[in-house]
Amino acid sequence: MPTAVGAGAAARAALVSATGADGLGADWAPVLAGVPLFAGLSKRHLKRVAALARARRFHSGQAILRAGEPGAAFYVVLDGTVRVLPVAGRVVRLGPGEAFGELALLDDGPRSADVVAEGEVLTMAIGRGAFDKLLRSEPAIARALLRTLAARLRERSR
């Protein structure tokens, strides 16, 4: 199931700063700082992860992810809205600053939902292969992610 990230005023300001006027900026570390999965990363590590990101545009109605397919990338919505259609559960809409597909960075499991663009959508995408290579070269990032995931599991078990 995708994880929604709150897109408050600070997150929107980071998006504008990171994407610039043309929507294709390269300094996406401030955007990633607002993604719960990356909450425990230092600024240096956020920059290393952000360097892997690529802009991806999707047209209205275009499928970004399909349930059951292998996950190859993680996405953060930079502009527009996506509709998440889980196999079981309720439909969720995600907007700027919100993320989906994070499990693809961590396992080889299938996607748990369809995600479709509602109107024109600009995303930041991080591929699993490049992310795996980064984790091998920067074990501190892997440890920080494990701490974040453990904290999320603890919170859910309360």
N, C-alpha and C. Protein backbone atom coordinates (compact mmCIF):
# COMPACT_ATOMS: atom_id res chain seq x y z
N MET A 1 0.84 -1.18 0.00
CA MET A 1 0.00 0.00 0.00
C MET A 1 0.88 1.23 0.00
N PRO A 2 0.61 2.24 -0.83
CA PRO A 2 1.42 3.45 -0.87
C PRO A 2 1.33 4.21 0.43
N THR A 3 2.34 4.98 0.68
CA THR A 3 2.37 5.81 1.88
C THR A 3 2.17 7.25 1.46
N ALA A 4 1.17 7.90 2.00
CA ALA A 4 0.94 9.30 1.69
C ALA A 4 1.85 10.15 2.56
N VAL A 5 2.38 11.20 1.97
CA VAL A 5 3.25 12.13 2.67
C VAL A 5 2.53 13.45 2.74
N GLY A 6 2.47 14.06 3.91
CA GLY A 6 1.81 15.35 4.06
C GLY A 6 2.47 16.41 3.19
N ALA A 7 1.67 17.18 2.49
CA ALA A 7 2.19 18.22 1.59
C ALA A 7 1.81 19.58 2.12
N GLY A 8 2.39 19.96 3.25
CA GLY A 8 2.11 21.25 3.86
C GLY A 8 2.83 22.37 3.15
N ALA A 9 2.77 23.55 3.73
CA ALA A 9 3.39 24.73 3.14
C ALA A 9 4.89 24.56 2.94
N ALA A 10 5.57 23.95 3.91
CA ALA A 10 7.02 23.76 3.79
C ALA A 10 7.36 22.82 2.64
N ALA A 11 6.57 21.74 2.50
CA ALA A 11 6.82 20.80 1.41
C ALA A 11 6.58 21.46 0.05
N ARG A 12 5.53 22.27 -0.04
CA ARG A 12 5.26 22.96 -1.30
C ARG A 12 6.38 23.95 -1.63
N ALA A 13 6.88 24.65 -0.62
CA ALA A 13 7.99 25.59 -0.84
C ALA A 13 9.23 24.84 -1.33
N ALA A 14 9.49 23.67 -0.74
CA ALA A 14 10.64 22.86 -1.17
C ALA A 14 10.45 22.40 -2.61
N LEU A 15 9.22 22.05 -2.99
CA LEU A 15 8.96 21.62 -4.36
C LEU A 15 9.22 22.74 -5.34
N VAL A 16 8.74 23.93 -5.03
CA VAL A 16 8.96 25.07 -5.92
C VAL A 16 10.44 25.35 -6.05
N SER A 17 11.15 25.34 -4.92
CA SER A 17 12.59 25.59 -4.92
C SER A 17 13.33 24.52 -5.70
N ALA A 18 12.95 23.27 -5.53
CA ALA A 18 13.66 22.15 -6.15
C ALA A 18 13.38 22.04 -7.64
N THR A 19 12.17 22.35 -8.06
CA THR A 19 11.81 22.13 -9.45
C THR A 19 12.03 23.35 -10.32
N GLY A 20 12.07 24.53 -9.74
CA GLY A 20 12.31 25.74 -10.53
C GLY A 20 11.15 26.05 -11.44
N ALA A 21 11.34 27.04 -12.28
CA ALA A 21 10.26 27.53 -13.13
C ALA A 21 9.81 26.50 -14.16
N ASP A 22 10.75 25.71 -14.68
CA ASP A 22 10.38 24.76 -15.72
C ASP A 22 9.96 23.40 -15.17
N GLY A 23 10.02 23.23 -13.85
CA GLY A 23 9.57 21.97 -13.26
C GLY A 23 10.58 20.84 -13.38
N LEU A 24 11.81 21.11 -13.80
CA LEU A 24 12.77 20.04 -14.00
C LEU A 24 14.10 20.30 -13.30
N GLY A 25 14.06 20.87 -12.11
CA GLY A 25 15.27 21.14 -11.35
C GLY A 25 15.96 19.87 -10.90
N ALA A 26 17.18 20.00 -10.39
CA ALA A 26 17.95 18.82 -10.00
C ALA A 26 18.15 18.70 -8.50
N ASP A 27 17.87 19.76 -7.72
CA ASP A 27 18.11 19.69 -6.29
C ASP A 27 16.84 19.23 -5.58
N TRP A 28 16.63 17.93 -5.58
CA TRP A 28 15.42 17.37 -5.02
C TRP A 28 15.60 16.89 -3.58
N ALA A 29 16.74 17.14 -2.98
CA ALA A 29 16.97 16.73 -1.59
C ALA A 29 15.92 17.31 -0.64
N PRO A 30 15.52 18.61 -0.77
CA PRO A 30 14.48 19.14 0.13
C PRO A 30 13.14 18.42 -0.03
N VAL A 31 12.84 17.97 -1.23
CA VAL A 31 11.59 17.23 -1.45
C VAL A 31 11.67 15.88 -0.75
N LEU A 32 12.79 15.18 -0.90
CA LEU A 32 12.96 13.88 -0.26
C LEU A 32 12.96 13.98 1.26
N ALA A 33 13.38 15.12 1.80
CA ALA A 33 13.39 15.31 3.25
C ALA A 33 11.99 15.20 3.83
N GLY A 34 10.97 15.49 3.03
CA GLY A 34 9.59 15.40 3.48
C GLY A 34 8.96 14.03 3.32
N VAL A 35 9.69 13.07 2.76
CA VAL A 35 9.19 11.71 2.54
C VAL A 35 9.54 10.87 3.77
N PRO A 36 8.54 10.30 4.45
CA PRO A 36 8.80 9.55 5.68
C PRO A 36 9.88 8.48 5.57
N LEU A 37 9.97 7.79 4.44
CA LEU A 37 10.98 6.76 4.28
C LEU A 37 12.38 7.32 4.48
N PHE A 38 12.60 8.57 4.09
CA PHE A 38 13.92 9.18 4.14
C PHE A 38 14.10 10.11 5.33
N ALA A 39 13.19 10.09 6.28
CA ALA A 39 13.21 11.02 7.41
C ALA A 39 14.50 10.97 8.22
N GLY A 40 15.14 9.82 8.33
CA GLY A 40 16.34 9.69 9.15
C GLY A 40 17.64 9.98 8.44
N LEU A 41 17.58 10.40 7.18
CA LEU A 41 18.81 10.62 6.42
C LEU A 41 19.39 12.01 6.65
N SER A 42 20.72 12.08 6.66
CA SER A 42 21.40 13.37 6.76
C SER A 42 21.22 14.13 5.45
N LYS A 43 21.55 15.42 5.45
CA LYS A 43 21.46 16.22 4.22
C LYS A 43 22.37 15.65 3.14
N ARG A 44 23.55 15.21 3.53
CA ARG A 44 24.48 14.64 2.56
C ARG A 44 23.88 13.39 1.91
N HIS A 45 23.27 12.53 2.72
CA HIS A 45 22.68 11.32 2.18
C HIS A 45 21.44 11.62 1.35
N LEU A 46 20.65 12.61 1.76
CA LEU A 46 19.50 13.02 0.95
C LEU A 46 19.96 13.48 -0.43
N LYS A 47 21.08 14.20 -0.48
CA LYS A 47 21.60 14.65 -1.77
C LYS A 47 22.06 13.48 -2.62
N ARG A 48 22.64 12.47 -1.99
CA ARG A 48 23.07 11.28 -2.74
C ARG A 48 21.86 10.56 -3.34
N VAL A 49 20.78 10.43 -2.55
CA VAL A 49 19.57 9.79 -3.07
C VAL A 49 18.94 10.66 -4.16
N ALA A 50 18.87 11.97 -3.92
CA ALA A 50 18.27 12.88 -4.90
C ALA A 50 19.00 12.85 -6.24
N ALA A 51 20.30 12.61 -6.20
CA ALA A 51 21.08 12.56 -7.44
C ALA A 51 20.63 11.41 -8.35
N LEU A 52 19.95 10.43 -7.78
CA LEU A 52 19.46 9.29 -8.56
C LEU A 52 18.14 9.60 -9.26
N ALA A 53 17.46 10.65 -8.83
CA ALA A 53 16.10 10.95 -9.29
C ALA A 53 16.08 11.47 -10.72
N ARG A 54 15.03 11.12 -11.41
CA ARG A 54 14.78 11.59 -12.77
C ARG A 54 13.34 12.08 -12.85
N ALA A 55 13.13 13.15 -13.60
CA ALA A 55 11.77 13.66 -13.81
C ALA A 55 11.03 12.72 -14.77
N ARG A 56 9.79 12.44 -14.45
CA ARG A 56 8.93 11.62 -15.31
C ARG A 56 7.58 12.31 -15.43
N ARG A 57 7.13 12.53 -16.64
CA ARG A 57 5.83 13.14 -16.89
C ARG A 57 4.84 12.06 -17.32
N PHE A 58 3.60 12.24 -16.89
CA PHE A 58 2.54 11.31 -17.26
C PHE A 58 1.33 12.12 -17.72
N HIS A 59 0.64 11.61 -18.73
CA HIS A 59 -0.54 12.28 -19.27
C HIS A 59 -1.79 11.82 -18.53
N SER A 60 -2.84 12.61 -18.62
CA SER A 60 -4.09 12.29 -17.96
C SER A 60 -4.57 10.89 -18.34
N GLY A 61 -4.89 10.11 -17.32
CA GLY A 61 -5.39 8.75 -17.53
C GLY A 61 -4.30 7.71 -17.71
N GLN A 62 -3.06 8.13 -17.81
CA GLN A 62 -1.96 7.19 -18.02
C GLN A 62 -1.67 6.41 -16.74
N ALA A 63 -1.50 5.10 -16.87
CA ALA A 63 -1.13 4.26 -15.73
C ALA A 63 0.34 4.47 -15.42
N ILE A 64 0.62 4.78 -14.16
CA ILE A 64 2.00 4.93 -13.71
C ILE A 64 2.49 3.61 -13.16
N LEU A 65 1.64 2.94 -12.38
CA LEU A 65 1.92 1.61 -11.83
C LEU A 65 0.70 0.73 -12.06
N ARG A 66 0.94 -0.58 -12.13
CA ARG A 66 -0.15 -1.55 -12.24
C ARG A 66 0.03 -2.61 -11.15
N ALA A 67 -1.04 -2.88 -10.43
CA ALA A 67 -1.01 -3.90 -9.38
C ALA A 67 -0.56 -5.23 -9.97
N GLY A 68 0.28 -5.92 -9.21
CA GLY A 68 0.75 -7.24 -9.63
C GLY A 68 2.04 -7.21 -10.42
N GLU A 69 2.37 -6.07 -11.03
CA GLU A 69 3.60 -5.98 -11.80
C GLU A 69 4.78 -5.78 -10.85
N PRO A 70 5.98 -6.15 -11.28
CA PRO A 70 7.14 -5.93 -10.42
C PRO A 70 7.41 -4.43 -10.25
N GLY A 71 7.86 -4.06 -9.08
CA GLY A 71 8.17 -2.67 -8.82
C GLY A 71 9.60 -2.35 -9.20
N ALA A 72 9.78 -1.32 -9.99
CA ALA A 72 11.13 -0.95 -10.42
C ALA A 72 11.51 0.46 -10.00
N ALA A 73 10.56 1.23 -9.46
CA ALA A 73 10.87 2.61 -9.10
C ALA A 73 9.94 3.12 -8.01
N PHE A 74 10.40 4.17 -7.36
CA PHE A 74 9.69 4.90 -6.32
C PHE A 74 9.40 6.29 -6.90
N TYR A 75 8.27 6.88 -6.54
CA TYR A 75 7.86 8.16 -7.11
C TYR A 75 7.46 9.17 -6.03
N VAL A 76 7.75 10.44 -6.31
CA VAL A 76 7.23 11.55 -5.52
C VAL A 76 6.50 12.46 -6.52
N VAL A 77 5.27 12.82 -6.21
CA VAL A 77 4.51 13.72 -7.08
C VAL A 77 5.08 15.13 -6.90
N LEU A 78 5.49 15.74 -8.00
CA LEU A 78 5.98 17.11 -7.97
C LEU A 78 4.89 18.10 -8.38
N ASP A 79 4.05 17.69 -9.33
CA ASP A 79 2.97 18.56 -9.79
C ASP A 79 1.84 17.67 -10.31
N GLY A 80 0.61 18.03 -9.97
CA GLY A 80 -0.55 17.27 -10.41
C GLY A 80 -1.06 16.35 -9.32
N THR A 81 -1.96 15.45 -9.73
CA THR A 81 -2.60 14.52 -8.79
C THR A 81 -2.63 13.13 -9.40
N VAL A 82 -2.40 12.13 -8.57
CA VAL A 82 -2.54 10.73 -9.00
C VAL A 82 -3.62 10.07 -8.16
N ARG A 83 -4.24 9.06 -8.73
CA ARG A 83 -5.25 8.26 -8.03
C ARG A 83 -4.68 6.88 -7.79
N VAL A 84 -4.66 6.46 -6.52
CA VAL A 84 -4.16 5.15 -6.13
C VAL A 84 -5.35 4.23 -5.96
N LEU A 85 -5.34 3.12 -6.70
CA LEU A 85 -6.44 2.16 -6.70
C LEU A 85 -5.91 0.83 -6.17
N PRO A 86 -5.94 0.64 -4.84
CA PRO A 86 -5.41 -0.60 -4.27
C PRO A 86 -6.28 -1.80 -4.62
N VAL A 87 -5.67 -2.98 -4.60
CA VAL A 87 -6.41 -4.22 -4.85
C VAL A 87 -7.52 -4.35 -3.79
N ALA A 88 -7.19 -4.04 -2.55
CA ALA A 88 -8.18 -4.04 -1.45
C ALA A 88 -8.02 -2.73 -0.70
N GLY A 89 -9.11 -2.10 -0.41
CA GLY A 89 -9.04 -0.83 0.32
C GLY A 89 -9.66 0.30 -0.47
N ARG A 90 -9.51 1.48 0.07
CA ARG A 90 -10.16 2.63 -0.56
C ARG A 90 -9.22 3.38 -1.50
N VAL A 91 -9.81 4.07 -2.46
CA VAL A 91 -9.06 4.88 -3.41
C VAL A 91 -8.50 6.10 -2.67
N VAL A 92 -7.27 6.45 -3.00
CA VAL A 92 -6.59 7.58 -2.38
C VAL A 92 -6.07 8.49 -3.49
N ARG A 93 -6.15 9.79 -3.28
CA ARG A 93 -5.55 10.75 -4.21
C ARG A 93 -4.31 11.35 -3.55
N LEU A 94 -3.24 11.44 -4.33
CA LEU A 94 -1.99 12.01 -3.84
C LEU A 94 -1.61 13.20 -4.70
N GLY A 95 -1.08 14.24 -4.05
CA GLY A 95 -0.67 15.44 -4.76
C GLY A 95 0.78 15.78 -4.50
N PRO A 96 1.17 17.01 -4.83
CA PRO A 96 2.57 17.43 -4.69
C PRO A 96 3.14 17.16 -3.30
N GLY A 97 4.32 16.55 -3.29
CA GLY A 97 5.01 16.22 -2.05
C GLY A 97 4.66 14.85 -1.50
N GLU A 98 3.70 14.18 -2.12
CA GLU A 98 3.31 12.85 -1.63
C GLU A 98 3.97 11.78 -2.47
N ALA A 99 4.24 10.62 -1.84
CA ALA A 99 5.05 9.57 -2.46
C ALA A 99 4.28 8.26 -2.56
N PHE A 100 4.71 7.43 -3.52
CA PHE A 100 4.14 6.09 -3.67
C PHE A 100 5.18 5.18 -4.30
N GLY A 101 5.00 3.88 -4.08
CA GLY A 101 5.89 2.89 -4.67
C GLY A 101 7.18 2.67 -3.91
N GLU A 102 7.23 3.10 -2.63
CA GLU A 102 8.49 3.00 -1.88
C GLU A 102 8.93 1.57 -1.64
N LEU A 103 8.00 0.63 -1.59
CA LEU A 103 8.40 -0.77 -1.37
C LEU A 103 9.26 -1.29 -2.51
N ALA A 104 9.11 -0.71 -3.70
CA ALA A 104 9.92 -1.14 -4.84
C ALA A 104 11.41 -0.91 -4.60
N LEU A 105 11.74 0.06 -3.75
CA LEU A 105 13.15 0.29 -3.45
C LEU A 105 13.71 -0.75 -2.51
N LEU A 106 12.84 -1.48 -1.83
CA LEU A 106 13.28 -2.35 -0.75
C LEU A 106 13.09 -3.84 -1.03
N ASP A 107 12.19 -4.20 -1.92
CA ASP A 107 11.99 -5.63 -2.19
C ASP A 107 11.65 -5.87 -3.65
N ASP A 108 11.54 -7.11 -4.00
CA ASP A 108 11.20 -7.49 -5.37
C ASP A 108 9.74 -7.88 -5.50
N GLY A 109 8.93 -7.52 -4.52
CA GLY A 109 7.51 -7.89 -4.53
C GLY A 109 6.72 -7.14 -5.58
N PRO A 110 5.53 -7.65 -5.88
CA PRO A 110 4.68 -7.01 -6.88
C PRO A 110 4.02 -5.74 -6.33
N ARG A 111 3.62 -4.88 -7.23
CA ARG A 111 2.89 -3.66 -6.87
C ARG A 111 1.56 -4.04 -6.21
N SER A 112 1.16 -3.26 -5.21
CA SER A 112 -0.08 -3.56 -4.48
C SER A 112 -1.25 -2.71 -4.95
N ALA A 113 -1.02 -1.83 -5.94
CA ALA A 113 -2.09 -0.96 -6.40
C ALA A 113 -1.81 -0.47 -7.81
N ASP A 114 -2.88 -0.06 -8.49
CA ASP A 114 -2.73 0.71 -9.72
C ASP A 114 -2.59 2.16 -9.31
N VAL A 115 -1.78 2.92 -10.02
CA VAL A 115 -1.68 4.36 -9.81
C VAL A 115 -1.84 5.01 -11.18
N VAL A 116 -2.80 5.95 -11.26
CA VAL A 116 -3.16 6.56 -12.54
C VAL A 116 -3.07 8.08 -12.42
N ALA A 117 -2.56 8.73 -13.46
CA ALA A 117 -2.47 10.19 -13.48
C ALA A 117 -3.86 10.79 -13.66
N GLU A 118 -4.17 11.78 -12.84
CA GLU A 118 -5.40 12.57 -13.00
C GLU A 118 -4.97 13.92 -13.57
N GLY A 119 -5.07 14.10 -14.84
CA GLY A 119 -4.53 15.28 -15.48
C GLY A 119 -3.04 15.08 -15.71
N GLU A 120 -2.36 16.12 -16.14
CA GLU A 120 -0.92 16.04 -16.37
C GLU A 120 -0.21 15.95 -15.01
N VAL A 121 0.76 15.05 -14.91
CA VAL A 121 1.47 14.81 -13.65
C VAL A 121 2.97 14.81 -13.92
N LEU A 122 3.69 15.49 -13.03
CA LEU A 122 5.16 15.47 -13.04
C LEU A 122 5.60 14.78 -11.76
N THR A 123 6.46 13.78 -11.90
CA THR A 123 6.98 13.06 -10.74
C THR A 123 8.50 13.06 -10.75
N MET A 124 9.04 12.75 -9.59
CA MET A 124 10.44 12.43 -9.44
C MET A 124 10.47 10.92 -9.27
N ALA A 125 11.28 10.22 -10.05
CA ALA A 125 11.34 8.76 -9.96
C ALA A 125 12.76 8.33 -9.60
N ILE A 126 12.85 7.34 -8.71
CA ILE A 126 14.14 6.76 -8.32
C ILE A 126 14.04 5.27 -8.60
N GLY A 127 14.91 4.78 -9.46
CA GLY A 127 14.91 3.37 -9.83
C GLY A 127 15.58 2.49 -8.79
N ARG A 128 15.10 1.25 -8.68
CA ARG A 128 15.61 0.31 -7.69
C ARG A 128 17.07 -0.07 -7.93
N GLY A 129 17.47 -0.27 -9.17
CA GLY A 129 18.84 -0.69 -9.46
C GLY A 129 19.86 0.33 -8.97
N ALA A 130 19.64 1.58 -9.31
CA ALA A 130 20.56 2.64 -8.87
C ALA A 130 20.52 2.80 -7.36
N PHE A 131 19.33 2.64 -6.77
CA PHE A 131 19.20 2.78 -5.33
C PHE A 131 19.94 1.65 -4.61
N ASP A 132 19.83 0.42 -5.13
CA ASP A 132 20.57 -0.73 -4.56
C ASP A 132 22.07 -0.47 -4.58
N LYS A 133 22.56 0.04 -5.70
CA LYS A 133 23.99 0.34 -5.83
C LYS A 133 24.41 1.39 -4.80
N LEU A 134 23.57 2.41 -4.59
CA LEU A 134 23.87 3.44 -3.60
C LEU A 134 23.93 2.83 -2.19
N LEU A 135 22.98 1.95 -1.87
CA LEU A 135 22.98 1.33 -0.54
C LEU A 135 24.24 0.50 -0.30
N ARG A 136 24.73 -0.16 -1.34
CA ARG A 136 25.97 -0.94 -1.19
C ARG A 136 27.17 -0.03 -0.93
N SER A 137 27.18 1.14 -1.54
CA SER A 137 28.32 2.05 -1.37
C SER A 137 28.18 2.93 -0.13
N GLU A 138 26.96 3.08 0.38
CA GLU A 138 26.69 3.94 1.55
C GLU A 138 25.86 3.16 2.58
N PRO A 139 26.46 2.24 3.33
CA PRO A 139 25.70 1.44 4.29
C PRO A 139 24.98 2.29 5.35
N ALA A 140 25.46 3.50 5.61
CA ALA A 140 24.80 4.36 6.60
C ALA A 140 23.39 4.72 6.14
N ILE A 141 23.18 4.81 4.84
CA ILE A 141 21.83 5.08 4.33
C ILE A 141 20.93 3.89 4.62
N ALA A 142 21.43 2.68 4.38
CA ALA A 142 20.65 1.48 4.65
C ALA A 142 20.28 1.40 6.14
N ARG A 143 21.24 1.70 7.03
CA ARG A 143 20.95 1.67 8.47
C ARG A 143 19.88 2.70 8.85
N ALA A 144 19.96 3.89 8.26
CA ALA A 144 18.97 4.93 8.56
C ALA A 144 17.59 4.50 8.08
N LEU A 145 17.52 3.88 6.90
CA LEU A 145 16.23 3.40 6.40
C LEU A 145 15.67 2.31 7.30
N LEU A 146 16.53 1.40 7.76
CA LEU A 146 16.06 0.35 8.66
C LEU A 146 15.52 0.93 9.96
N ARG A 147 16.18 1.94 10.50
CA ARG A 147 15.68 2.60 11.72
C ARG A 147 14.31 3.23 11.48
N THR A 148 14.17 3.89 10.34
CA THR A 148 12.89 4.53 10.01
C THR A 148 11.79 3.49 9.88
N LEU A 149 12.08 2.40 9.18
CA LEU A 149 11.08 1.35 9.00
C LEU A 149 10.73 0.69 10.33
N ALA A 150 11.73 0.46 11.17
CA ALA A 150 11.47 -0.14 12.49
C ALA A 150 10.58 0.78 13.33
N ALA A 151 10.83 2.08 13.28
CA ALA A 151 10.00 3.03 14.03
C ALA A 151 8.57 3.02 13.52
N ARG A 152 8.40 2.91 12.21
CA ARG A 152 7.04 2.87 11.63
C ARG A 152 6.32 1.59 12.05
N LEU A 153 7.04 0.46 12.09
CA LEU A 153 6.43 -0.79 12.54
C LEU A 153 6.04 -0.72 14.01
N ARG A 154 6.91 -0.16 14.82
CA ARG A 154 6.59 0.00 16.25
C ARG A 154 5.34 0.83 16.45
N GLU A 155 5.26 1.93 15.69
CA GLU A 155 4.11 2.83 15.80
C GLU A 155 2.82 2.11 15.41
N ARG A 156 2.86 1.31 14.37
CA ARG A 156 1.66 0.58 13.93
C ARG A 156 1.25 -0.51 14.92
N SER A 157 2.20 -1.03 15.67
CA SER A 157 1.88 -2.12 16.60
C SER A 157 1.34 -1.60 17.92
N ARG A 158 1.33 -0.32 18.13
CA ARG A 158 0.81 0.25 19.38
C ARG A 158 -0.68 0.35 19.37
